[in-house]
Amino acid sequence: MNNSEKFKRWSITEWRIIKTGCTNFVRNAWLSIAAMAVMLITLTIVLFSVIANATFTNTIKQITDKIDISIYLKDSVTPENREKLVKQMRALPNVKEVTFLSKDDALVIYKKQNANNKDLLLAISQTDNPLPASLQIKPKNVNKIAEIKTFLDKKEIKDLQSDETSYSGDRKEAVDKITHATDFIRRAGIIGVLVFAVISMLIIFNTIQMAIFNRRDEITIMRLLGANTSFIRGPFVVESVLYGVISAMVSILLLNGLFAVSSSTLEATSLGLLDINYASRYFSSHFWIFMALQLGVGVFIGAASSIIATHRYLKFKTTK
C-alpha cells in the first residue's frame, strides 16, 4: 500500500470517527445539554476571573498613581536647603519621583480647585499668598511609605516643614481595601473554577459511561470485526470535545452580551469595585485570546473526561 492510499484510508477513518461523534452528540441531546450547562458555568467563571483580576489590578494602579506625599516647606527655607532635601529624598530606595511646587504654583492650583467658591477666592485675594511651597513625592511602593515617613520624622527635616506631612491616607486605605477584595475574589475564583471543573468532568464522565452502556452491543460487534481501540474511542472523544467547543463559544457570547448591556443599556460605569467600562474594553481588546483560552480549557476538560471514561469502562490497553 503506497502513501497516498494510506492517507486516503486514514482520512476516511478520521471522517467516520468525527461523523459518528457528531451523530452521538445529537442523539444524546439531553445529556449533552446537561454536560454543557455545567461546563458553561466553569468556563464563564474562568473568563470572568481573568477579566476581574485585570480590572482590579488596573483600579489599584490608578489609585496608586494618585497617592503622593506632600512636604510643606517654610518660607524661610533657602533654595540650597531645598535642593539638599530633594537630593536626599531622591536617594531613598522607595522614592520614585520628587517634584517641587512653588508658592505661586500652589496658589494657581488652589484657585482652579476652588473656582466655584467665590468666598474662598475673595478671601485669598485680599491677603498675601499664604500657601507654602511643597515637595510632592511619588513612592514606588505604597505599602512601604513607612520608610519615607521615618526619614521625614527626623528633627532636621521637621525643622524645614511648615505643616504636618500629608500622606494621602484616604487613597492608601482605598488601595488596601481593593487589594484585599481582589485577593479574596481571586481565591474564590480559583476555588470556583476547580469545583465546577471537577463537576463538569464527572458529568461528562457519566454521560460517556451511559453512552458506552447504550452502545455496548455495537461496541462488541465492532471489536469482533477487528476495529482498533482508537476507532472505538474516537467518537466519544469527538462528542465530549464538542461539549467544550460549544460551551466556550456560548460563554464568550454570554459575557460579551453582559458587558454590552451593562455599559450601554444600563449605562453602568462600575459594579461595586469592578470598573465595567475598563472590563469591557479589556475584554474587547483580548477577545481572540480569550476565545482561544476558552476553547483550550473546554476541549481539555471534555477530552480528558472522555479518555478517562473510555479507558475505565472499555478496558482499553495502551499497548494496542
Protein backbone atom coordinates (compact mmCIF):
# COMPACT_ATOMS: atom_id res chain seq x y z
CA MET A 1 0.00 0.00 0.00
CA ASN A 2 1.56 3.30 -1.08
CA ASN A 3 1.49 6.54 0.89
CA SER A 4 -1.45 8.06 -0.99
CA GLU A 5 -3.61 5.01 -0.30
CA LYS A 6 -2.62 5.06 3.37
CA PHE A 7 -3.52 8.73 3.63
CA LYS A 8 -6.85 8.14 1.89
CA ARG A 9 -7.67 5.29 4.23
CA TRP A 10 -6.63 7.35 7.25
CA SER A 11 -8.74 10.36 6.17
CA ILE A 12 -11.80 8.14 5.62
CA THR A 13 -11.36 6.61 9.08
CA GLU A 14 -11.00 10.03 10.74
CA TRP A 15 -14.05 11.34 8.90
CA ARG A 16 -16.12 8.38 10.10
CA ILE A 17 -14.94 8.96 13.68
CA ILE A 18 -15.90 12.66 13.53
CA LYS A 19 -19.24 11.90 11.86
CA THR A 20 -20.11 9.24 14.44
CA GLY A 21 -19.14 11.58 17.28
CA CYS A 22 -21.38 14.34 15.92
CA THR A 23 -24.24 11.85 15.47
CA ASN A 24 -23.87 10.66 19.07
CA PHE A 25 -23.83 14.29 20.23
CA VAL A 26 -27.23 14.91 18.60
CA ARG A 27 -28.59 11.52 19.66
CA ASN A 28 -27.76 12.21 23.34
CA ALA A 29 -29.18 15.74 23.22
CA TRP A 30 -30.47 15.98 26.78
CA LEU A 31 -27.33 14.52 28.29
CA SER A 32 -25.29 16.84 26.09
CA ILE A 33 -27.21 19.89 27.33
CA ALA A 34 -26.66 18.89 30.97
CA ALA A 35 -22.93 18.41 30.42
CA MET A 36 -22.57 21.69 28.51
CA ALA A 37 -24.54 23.65 31.12
CA VAL A 38 -22.06 22.82 33.88
CA MET A 39 -19.10 23.32 31.56
CA LEU A 40 -20.54 26.69 30.53
CA ILE A 41 -20.58 27.78 34.18
CA THR A 42 -17.00 26.59 34.61
CA LEU A 43 -15.69 28.42 31.53
CA THR A 44 -17.60 31.58 32.41
CA ILE A 45 -16.06 31.60 35.89
CA VAL A 46 -12.61 31.11 34.35
CA LEU A 47 -13.05 34.01 31.96
CA PHE A 48 -14.71 36.32 34.48
CA SER A 49 -11.92 35.65 36.99
CA VAL A 50 -9.27 36.64 34.44
CA ILE A 51 -11.11 39.83 33.46
CA ALA A 52 -11.92 40.77 37.07
CA ASN A 53 -8.30 40.28 38.14
CA ALA A 54 -7.05 42.53 35.30
CA THR A 55 -9.70 45.15 36.12
CA PHE A 56 -8.87 45.24 39.84
CA THR A 57 -5.17 45.46 39.04
CA ASN A 58 -5.87 48.47 36.82
CA THR A 59 -8.02 50.10 39.52
CA ILE A 60 -5.28 49.65 42.09
CA LYS A 61 -2.72 51.13 39.69
CA GLN A 62 -4.93 54.18 39.01
CA ILE A 63 -5.40 54.88 42.71
CA THR A 64 -1.74 54.16 43.49
CA ASP A 65 -0.63 56.68 40.86
CA LYS A 66 -2.61 59.35 42.74
CA ILE A 67 -1.00 58.59 46.09
CA ASP A 68 1.72 61.03 46.98
CA ILE A 69 3.43 62.58 49.99
CA SER A 70 3.38 66.35 50.38
CA ILE A 71 6.11 68.09 52.38
CA TYR A 72 5.16 71.72 53.11
CA LEU A 73 8.21 73.96 53.40
CA LYS A 74 8.67 77.08 55.49
CA ASP A 75 9.10 80.32 53.59
CA SER A 76 12.50 80.68 55.25
CA VAL A 77 13.90 77.56 53.60
CA THR A 78 16.66 78.60 51.20
CA PRO A 79 16.99 77.14 47.68
CA GLU A 80 20.20 75.45 48.79
CA ASN A 81 18.49 73.68 51.70
CA ARG A 82 15.56 72.76 49.47
CA GLU A 83 17.83 71.23 46.82
CA LYS A 84 19.72 69.34 49.51
CA LEU A 85 16.43 67.91 50.79
CA VAL A 86 15.35 66.96 47.27
CA LYS A 87 18.66 65.17 46.72
CA GLN A 88 18.25 63.28 50.00
CA MET A 89 14.67 62.29 49.12
CA ARG A 90 15.63 61.02 45.66
CA ALA A 91 18.31 58.85 47.27
CA LEU A 92 15.70 56.94 49.26
CA PRO A 93 15.04 53.46 47.73
CA ASN A 94 11.24 53.79 47.79
CA VAL A 95 11.07 57.25 46.20
CA LYS A 96 10.04 57.25 42.55
CA GLU A 97 9.83 60.98 41.86
CA VAL A 98 10.23 64.31 43.69
CA THR A 99 8.58 67.45 42.31
CA PHE A 100 8.92 70.99 43.66
CA LEU A 101 5.75 73.11 43.83
CA SER A 102 6.39 76.82 44.42
CA LYS A 103 4.11 79.16 46.35
CA ASP A 104 2.86 80.73 43.14
CA ASP A 105 2.14 77.34 41.58
CA ALA A 106 0.30 76.25 44.73
CA LEU A 107 -1.86 79.39 44.52
CA VAL A 108 -2.75 78.73 40.88
CA ILE A 109 -3.78 75.18 41.69
CA TYR A 110 -5.79 76.35 44.70
CA LYS A 111 -7.74 78.82 42.58
CA LYS A 112 -8.51 76.17 39.97
CA GLN A 113 -9.71 73.72 42.61
CA ASN A 114 -11.98 76.36 44.19
CA ALA A 115 -13.10 78.12 41.02
CA ASN A 116 -16.76 77.77 42.04
CA ASN A 117 -16.27 79.06 45.57
CA LYS A 118 -16.29 82.85 45.33
CA ASP A 119 -15.90 83.38 49.07
CA LEU A 120 -12.64 81.46 49.23
CA LEU A 121 -11.28 83.16 46.12
CA LEU A 122 -12.19 86.57 47.54
CA ALA A 123 -10.60 85.82 50.90
CA ILE A 124 -7.32 84.61 49.44
CA SER A 125 -7.11 87.53 47.00
CA GLN A 126 -7.19 90.02 49.86
CA THR A 127 -4.05 88.68 51.54
CA ASP A 128 -0.52 87.77 50.59
CA ASN A 129 -0.15 84.27 49.28
CA PRO A 130 -0.50 82.14 52.46
CA LEU A 131 0.15 78.83 50.73
CA PRO A 132 3.54 77.20 51.35
CA ALA A 133 5.88 75.77 48.77
CA SER A 134 5.98 72.00 48.84
CA LEU A 135 7.70 68.87 47.63
CA GLN A 136 5.44 66.24 46.02
CA ILE A 137 6.84 62.73 46.45
CA LYS A 138 5.69 59.70 44.46
CA PRO A 139 6.51 56.42 46.25
CA LYS A 140 7.44 53.28 44.31
CA ASN A 141 5.57 51.01 46.71
CA VAL A 142 2.64 52.45 48.67
CA ASN A 143 2.96 49.63 51.19
CA LYS A 144 6.40 50.87 52.22
CA ILE A 145 5.55 54.52 52.90
CA ALA A 146 6.69 53.99 56.50
CA GLU A 147 10.30 54.04 55.27
CA ILE A 148 9.81 57.55 53.88
CA LYS A 149 7.91 58.63 57.00
CA THR A 150 10.84 57.56 59.18
CA PHE A 151 13.13 59.86 57.21
CA LEU A 152 10.70 62.79 57.33
CA ASP A 153 10.28 62.47 61.08
CA LYS A 154 13.91 63.36 61.66
CA LYS A 155 14.31 66.60 63.60
CA GLU A 156 16.42 68.36 60.97
CA ILE A 157 13.77 67.59 58.33
CA LYS A 158 10.90 68.60 60.62
CA ASP A 159 12.56 71.97 61.14
CA LEU A 160 12.15 72.72 57.42
CA GLN A 161 8.42 72.00 57.37
CA SER A 162 5.63 74.50 57.97
CA ASP A 163 2.86 71.93 58.39
CA GLU A 164 2.42 68.23 59.02
CA THR A 165 3.32 65.98 56.12
CA SER A 166 0.35 64.74 54.07
CA TYR A 167 0.39 61.03 53.22
CA SER A 168 -2.81 60.73 51.12
CA GLY A 169 -4.15 58.39 53.77
CA ASP A 170 -7.63 58.02 52.28
CA ARG A 171 -6.27 56.74 48.99
CA LYS A 172 -3.94 54.34 50.80
CA GLU A 173 -6.92 52.90 52.66
CA ALA A 174 -8.80 52.55 49.36
CA VAL A 175 -5.86 50.65 47.83
CA ASP A 176 -5.72 48.33 50.84
CA LYS A 177 -9.46 47.60 50.63
CA ILE A 178 -9.35 46.91 46.89
CA THR A 179 -6.23 44.74 47.30
CA HIS A 180 -7.91 42.64 49.98
CA ALA A 181 -11.08 42.36 47.86
CA THR A 182 -9.02 41.37 44.80
CA ASP A 183 -7.17 38.67 46.73
CA PHE A 184 -10.45 37.29 48.08
CA ILE A 185 -12.13 37.27 44.66
CA ARG A 186 -9.05 35.69 43.08
CA ARG A 187 -9.03 32.88 45.65
CA ALA A 188 -12.80 32.44 45.37
CA GLY A 189 -12.49 32.32 41.57
CA ILE A 190 -9.79 29.64 41.70
CA ILE A 191 -11.85 27.53 44.11
CA GLY A 192 -14.98 28.02 41.98
CA VAL A 193 -13.14 27.01 38.80
CA LEU A 194 -11.72 23.87 40.42
CA VAL A 195 -15.10 22.85 41.89
CA PHE A 196 -17.03 23.32 38.66
CA ALA A 197 -14.22 21.77 36.59
CA VAL A 198 -14.45 18.61 38.69
CA ILE A 199 -18.26 18.63 38.42
CA SER A 200 -18.01 19.11 34.64
CA MET A 201 -15.61 16.20 34.30
CA LEU A 202 -17.83 13.97 36.45
CA ILE A 203 -20.94 14.80 34.41
CA ILE A 204 -19.13 14.25 31.10
CA PHE A 205 -17.64 11.07 32.55
CA ASN A 206 -21.11 9.77 33.42
CA THR A 207 -22.52 10.92 30.07
CA ILE A 208 -19.87 8.94 28.19
CA GLN A 209 -20.39 6.00 30.53
CA MET A 210 -24.12 5.94 29.72
CA ALA A 211 -23.36 6.24 26.00
CA ILE A 212 -20.98 3.28 26.24
CA PHE A 213 -23.60 1.27 28.09
CA ASN A 214 -26.26 2.07 25.48
CA ARG A 215 -23.90 1.07 22.67
CA ARG A 216 -22.33 -1.94 24.36
CA ASP A 217 -23.68 -4.42 21.78
CA GLU A 218 -22.48 -2.23 18.91
CA ILE A 219 -19.05 -1.91 20.50
CA THR A 220 -18.83 -5.68 20.98
CA ILE A 221 -19.60 -6.22 17.29
CA MET A 222 -17.01 -3.62 16.28
CA ARG A 223 -14.39 -5.41 18.35
CA LEU A 224 -15.28 -8.77 16.83
CA LEU A 225 -14.91 -7.23 13.37
CA GLY A 226 -11.39 -6.06 14.28
CA ALA A 227 -11.93 -2.35 15.00
CA ASN A 228 -8.96 -0.93 16.88
CA THR A 229 -9.24 0.96 20.14
CA SER A 230 -8.74 4.39 18.54
CA PHE A 231 -11.68 3.85 16.18
CA ILE A 232 -13.97 2.86 19.07
CA ARG A 233 -12.75 5.57 21.44
CA GLY A 234 -12.64 8.35 18.82
CA PRO A 235 -16.39 9.15 18.57
CA PHE A 236 -16.67 9.51 22.36
CA VAL A 237 -13.73 11.94 22.39
CA VAL A 238 -15.24 13.92 19.49
CA GLU A 239 -18.58 14.07 21.32
CA SER A 240 -17.04 15.42 24.53
CA VAL A 241 -14.82 17.87 22.63
CA LEU A 242 -17.99 19.29 21.07
CA TYR A 243 -19.26 19.95 24.60
CA GLY A 244 -16.18 22.07 25.25
CA VAL A 245 -16.24 23.92 21.91
CA ILE A 246 -19.92 24.88 22.11
CA SER A 247 -19.70 25.79 25.81
CA ALA A 248 -16.66 28.00 25.13
CA MET A 249 -18.39 29.89 22.32
CA VAL A 250 -21.59 30.36 24.35
CA SER A 251 -19.52 31.57 27.33
CA ILE A 252 -17.76 34.19 25.21
CA LEU A 253 -21.03 35.40 23.68
CA LEU A 254 -22.72 35.47 27.09
CA LEU A 255 -20.05 37.68 28.67
CA ASN A 256 -19.94 39.87 25.58
CA GLY A 257 -23.69 40.40 25.90
CA LEU A 258 -23.46 41.12 29.64
CA PHE A 259 -20.78 43.77 29.10
CA ALA A 260 -22.77 45.33 26.27
CA VAL A 261 -25.93 45.53 28.39
CA SER A 262 -24.08 46.85 31.46
CA SER A 263 -22.19 49.58 29.63
CA SER A 264 -24.95 50.74 27.27
CA THR A 265 -28.50 49.78 28.22
CA LEU A 266 -27.95 50.09 31.98
CA GLU A 267 -25.41 52.90 31.47
CA ALA A 268 -23.32 51.46 34.30
CA THR A 269 -19.69 52.51 34.73
CA SER A 270 -18.97 50.27 37.70
CA LEU A 271 -20.35 47.28 39.54
CA GLY A 272 -19.07 47.56 43.07
CA LEU A 273 -15.29 47.51 42.74
CA LEU A 274 -15.50 46.30 39.14
CA ASP A 275 -14.94 49.03 36.55
CA ILE A 276 -17.39 47.95 33.83
CA ASN A 277 -16.00 50.29 31.16
CA TYR A 278 -12.43 49.09 31.62
CA ALA A 279 -13.53 45.43 31.85
CA SER A 280 -15.50 45.82 28.62
CA ARG A 281 -12.54 47.43 26.81
CA TYR A 282 -10.17 44.78 28.17
CA PHE A 283 -12.50 42.02 27.04
CA SER A 284 -12.84 43.51 23.54
CA SER A 285 -9.11 44.07 23.07
CA HIS A 286 -8.29 40.49 24.15
CA PHE A 287 -11.32 38.83 22.54
CA TRP A 288 -9.44 36.31 20.38
CA ILE A 289 -7.04 35.44 23.18
CA PHE A 290 -9.99 34.74 25.46
CA MET A 291 -11.66 32.72 22.73
CA ALA A 292 -8.52 30.56 22.40
CA LEU A 293 -8.32 30.24 26.21
CA GLN A 294 -11.93 29.12 26.49
CA LEU A 295 -11.62 26.66 23.62
CA GLY A 296 -8.42 25.24 25.07
CA VAL A 297 -9.87 24.76 28.56
CA GLY A 298 -13.16 23.40 27.20
CA VAL A 299 -11.51 20.92 24.84
CA PHE A 300 -9.10 19.80 27.57
CA ILE A 301 -11.87 19.15 30.12
CA GLY A 302 -14.01 17.33 27.55
CA ALA A 303 -11.23 15.23 26.03
CA ALA A 304 -9.70 14.32 29.39
CA SER A 305 -13.07 13.23 30.78
CA SER A 306 -13.91 11.04 27.77
CA ILE A 307 -10.45 9.44 27.63
CA ILE A 308 -10.67 8.52 31.32
CA ALA A 309 -14.22 7.19 30.84
CA THR A 310 -13.36 5.07 27.82
CA HIS A 311 -10.20 3.77 29.43
CA ARG A 312 -12.10 2.86 32.58
CA TYR A 313 -15.20 1.31 31.10
CA LEU A 314 -13.97 -0.10 27.79
CA LYS A 315 -10.84 -1.57 29.40
CA PHE A 316 -8.60 -0.34 26.61
CA LYS A 317 -4.98 -1.37 26.75
CA THR A 318 -2.39 1.24 25.93
CA THR A 319 -0.28 -1.33 24.12
CA LYS A 320 -2.86 -1.88 21.39
